[in-house]
Amino acid sequence: MKWLLHHAKRVLRITSGFVLLLVGLFLMLPGVPGPGIVLVIAGLSILAIDFVWAHRLKTHLKKHADRVVAKMRGKTRKEPPADQTRSASLLPPGPQGKGEGADV
């Protein structure tokens, strides 16, 4: 009886993983609104419990997503070129008594 319960859970888990994967792929089509990528990742996570190929695909997608995020963060957090930071320190001091940057 215990093995029947185990296999029933496994069949339910595999079925739900494939359903989530297929619905996610459908929602990723252009013009179909919905969280497609989230459902694909959820489906792969459920299937990764029983299938090595799903675990490998999920790991590959995660590495690829990490590279894309790191690349995007690197572009948005660029430091200014060295000659711009140097020229700011060479500016003459502000007018006496009014503080720096005050209009005269």
C-alpha atoms as a PDB file:
ATOM      1  CA  MET A   1       0.000   0.000   0.000  1.00  0.00           C
ATOM      2  CA  LYS A   2       2.906   2.322   0.761  1.00  0.00           C
ATOM      3  CA  TRP A   3       4.368   1.916  -2.730  1.00  0.00           C
ATOM      4  CA  LEU A   4       0.983   2.770  -4.271  1.00  0.00           C
ATOM      5  CA  LEU A   5       0.868   6.054  -2.379  1.00  0.00           C
ATOM      6  CA  HIS A   6       4.469   6.800  -3.379  1.00  0.00           C
ATOM      7  CA  HIS A   7       3.780   6.150  -7.058  1.00  0.00           C
ATOM      8  CA  ALA A   8       0.538   8.116  -6.988  1.00  0.00           C
ATOM      9  CA  LYS A   9       2.402  11.133  -5.585  1.00  0.00           C
ATOM     10  CA  ARG A  10       5.103  10.732  -8.224  1.00  0.00           C
ATOM     11  CA  VAL A  11       2.578  10.565 -11.081  1.00  0.00           C
ATOM     12  CA  LEU A  12       0.785  13.625  -9.713  1.00  0.00           C
ATOM     13  CA  ARG A  13       4.091  15.509  -9.354  1.00  0.00           C
ATOM     14  CA  ILE A  14       5.229  14.664 -12.889  1.00  0.00           C
ATOM     15  CA  THR A  15       1.840  15.516 -14.366  1.00  0.00           C
ATOM     16  CA  SER A  16       1.695  18.874 -12.589  1.00  0.00           C
ATOM     17  CA  GLY A  17       5.260  19.667 -13.673  1.00  0.00           C
ATOM     18  CA  PHE A  18       4.484  18.996 -17.331  1.00  0.00           C
ATOM     19  CA  VAL A  19       1.231  20.965 -17.130  1.00  0.00           C
ATOM     20  CA  LEU A  20       3.041  23.974 -15.662  1.00  0.00           C
ATOM     21  CA  LEU A  21       5.781  23.653 -18.283  1.00  0.00           C
ATOM     22  CA  LEU A  22       3.319  23.504 -21.185  1.00  0.00           C
ATOM     23  CA  VAL A  23       1.148  26.354 -19.878  1.00  0.00           C
ATOM     24  CA  GLY A  24       4.269  28.450 -19.337  1.00  0.00           C
ATOM     25  CA  LEU A  25       5.469  27.781 -22.880  1.00  0.00           C
ATOM     26  CA  PHE A  26       2.027  28.750 -24.195  1.00  0.00           C
ATOM     27  CA  LEU A  27       2.035  31.981 -22.181  1.00  0.00           C
ATOM     28  CA  MET A  28       5.453  32.876 -23.591  1.00  0.00           C
ATOM     29  CA  LEU A  29       3.969  33.156 -27.091  1.00  0.00           C
ATOM     30  CA  PRO A  30       3.716  36.719 -28.411  1.00  0.00           C
ATOM     31  CA  GLY A  31       0.338  38.286 -27.763  1.00  0.00           C
ATOM     32  CA  VAL A  32      -0.595  35.940 -24.916  1.00  0.00           C
ATOM     33  CA  PRO A  33      -0.446  37.767 -21.585  1.00  0.00           C
ATOM     34  CA  GLY A  34       0.764  35.964 -18.515  1.00  0.00           C
ATOM     35  CA  PRO A  35       3.781  34.955 -16.445  1.00  0.00           C
ATOM     36  CA  GLY A  36       5.187  32.415 -18.903  1.00  0.00           C
ATOM     37  CA  ILE A  37       8.793  32.311 -17.735  1.00  0.00           C
ATOM     38  CA  VAL A  38       7.743  31.960 -14.093  1.00  0.00           C
ATOM     39  CA  LEU A  39       5.583  28.925 -14.888  1.00  0.00           C
ATOM     40  CA  VAL A  40       8.330  27.347 -17.012  1.00  0.00           C
ATOM     41  CA  ILE A  41      10.800  27.687 -14.136  1.00  0.00           C
ATOM     42  CA  ALA A  42       8.237  26.323 -11.668  1.00  0.00           C
ATOM     43  CA  GLY A  43       7.493  23.370 -13.946  1.00  0.00           C
ATOM     44  CA  LEU A  44      11.187  22.620 -14.423  1.00  0.00           C
ATOM     45  CA  SER A  45      11.741  22.829 -10.670  1.00  0.00           C
ATOM     46  CA  ILE A  46       9.011  20.274 -10.028  1.00  0.00           C
ATOM     47  CA  LEU A  47      10.241  17.988 -12.818  1.00  0.00           C
ATOM     48  CA  ALA A  48      13.852  18.282 -11.593  1.00  0.00           C
ATOM     49  CA  ILE A  49      12.899  16.158  -8.591  1.00  0.00           C
ATOM     50  CA  ASP A  50      12.377  13.136 -10.849  1.00  0.00           C
ATOM     51  CA  PHE A  51      14.261  13.901 -14.079  1.00  0.00           C
ATOM     52  CA  VAL A  52      17.946  14.720 -14.541  1.00  0.00           C
ATOM     53  CA  TRP A  53      17.317  16.501 -17.864  1.00  0.00           C
ATOM     54  CA  ALA A  54      14.969  18.981 -16.168  1.00  0.00           C
ATOM     55  CA  HIS A  55      17.550  19.672 -13.461  1.00  0.00           C
ATOM     56  CA  ARG A  56      20.267  20.265 -16.078  1.00  0.00           C
ATOM     57  CA  LEU A  57      18.021  22.560 -18.120  1.00  0.00           C
ATOM     58  CA  LYS A  58      17.024  24.529 -15.036  1.00  0.00           C
ATOM     59  CA  THR A  59      20.692  24.880 -14.017  1.00  0.00           C
ATOM     60  CA  HIS A  60      21.637  26.029 -17.530  1.00  0.00           C
ATOM     61  CA  LEU A  61      18.825  28.605 -17.595  1.00  0.00           C
ATOM     62  CA  LYS A  62      19.816  29.882 -14.155  1.00  0.00           C
ATOM     63  CA  LYS A  63      23.464  30.334 -15.183  1.00  0.00           C
ATOM     64  CA  HIS A  64      22.409  32.112 -18.356  1.00  0.00           C
ATOM     65  CA  ALA A  65      20.042  34.393 -16.431  1.00  0.00           C
ATOM     66  CA  ASP A  66      22.782  35.211 -13.900  1.00  0.00           C
ATOM     67  CA  ARG A  67      25.129  36.210 -16.736  1.00  0.00           C
ATOM     68  CA  VAL A  68      22.473  38.433 -18.309  1.00  0.00           C
ATOM     69  CA  VAL A  69      21.690  40.106 -14.987  1.00  0.00           C
ATOM     70  CA  ALA A  70      25.384  40.663 -14.248  1.00  0.00           C
ATOM     71  CA  LYS A  71      25.897  42.152 -17.702  1.00  0.00           C
ATOM     72  CA  MET A  72      22.916  44.491 -17.288  1.00  0.00           C
ATOM     73  CA  ARG A  73      24.032  45.564 -13.817  1.00  0.00           C
ATOM     74  CA  GLY A  74      27.518  46.219 -15.123  1.00  0.00           C
ATOM     75  CA  LYS A  75      26.155  48.530 -17.808  1.00  0.00           C
ATOM     76  CA  THR A  76      23.935  50.505 -15.458  1.00  0.00           C
ATOM     77  CA  ARG A  77      26.554  50.938 -12.731  1.00  0.00           C
ATOM     78  CA  LYS A  78      29.407  52.192 -14.856  1.00  0.00           C
ATOM     79  CA  GLU A  79      31.800  54.554 -13.170  1.00  0.00           C
ATOM     80  CA  PRO A  80      32.535  57.868 -14.901  1.00  0.00           C
ATOM     81  CA  PRO A  81      35.771  58.070 -16.887  1.00  0.00           C
ATOM     82  CA  ALA A  82      38.869  59.102 -14.943  1.00  0.00           C
ATOM     83  CA  ASP A  83      39.322  62.441 -16.748  1.00  0.00           C
ATOM     84  CA  GLN A  84      35.818  63.612 -15.734  1.00  0.00           C
ATOM     85  CA  THR A  85      36.415  62.986 -12.041  1.00  0.00           C
ATOM     86  CA  ARG A  86      39.764  64.769 -12.217  1.00  0.00           C
ATOM     87  CA  SER A  87      38.360  67.848 -13.915  1.00  0.00           C
ATOM     88  CA  ALA A  88      35.794  68.271 -11.130  1.00  0.00           C
ATOM     89  CA  SER A  89      38.577  68.548  -8.552  1.00  0.00           C
ATOM     90  CA  LEU A  90      40.379  71.184 -10.652  1.00  0.00           C
ATOM     91  CA  LEU A  91      37.426  73.596 -10.621  1.00  0.00           C
ATOM     92  CA  PRO A  92      38.071  76.898  -8.861  1.00  0.00           C
ATOM     93  CA  PRO A  93      36.547  77.261  -5.389  1.00  0.00           C
ATOM     94  CA  GLY A  94      33.196  79.015  -5.039  1.00  0.00           C
ATOM     95  CA  PRO A  95      32.851  82.704  -4.138  1.00  0.00           C
ATOM     96  CA  GLN A  96      34.089  83.765  -0.701  1.00  0.00           C
ATOM     97  CA  GLY A  97      31.481  83.858   2.031  1.00  0.00           C
ATOM     98  CA  LYS A  98      28.626  82.388  -0.017  1.00  0.00           C
ATOM     99  CA  GLY A  99      29.669  78.718  -0.077  1.00  0.00           C
ATOM    100  CA  GLU A 100      30.440  76.579  -3.075  1.00  0.00           C
ATOM    101  CA  GLY A 101      28.069  76.558  -5.992  1.00  0.00           C
ATOM    102  CA  ALA A 102      26.174  79.705  -4.955  1.00  0.00           C
ATOM    103  CA  ASP A 103      25.070  82.053  -7.721  1.00  0.00           C
ATOM    104  CA  VAL A 104      26.781  85.416  -7.768  1.00  0.00           C
END
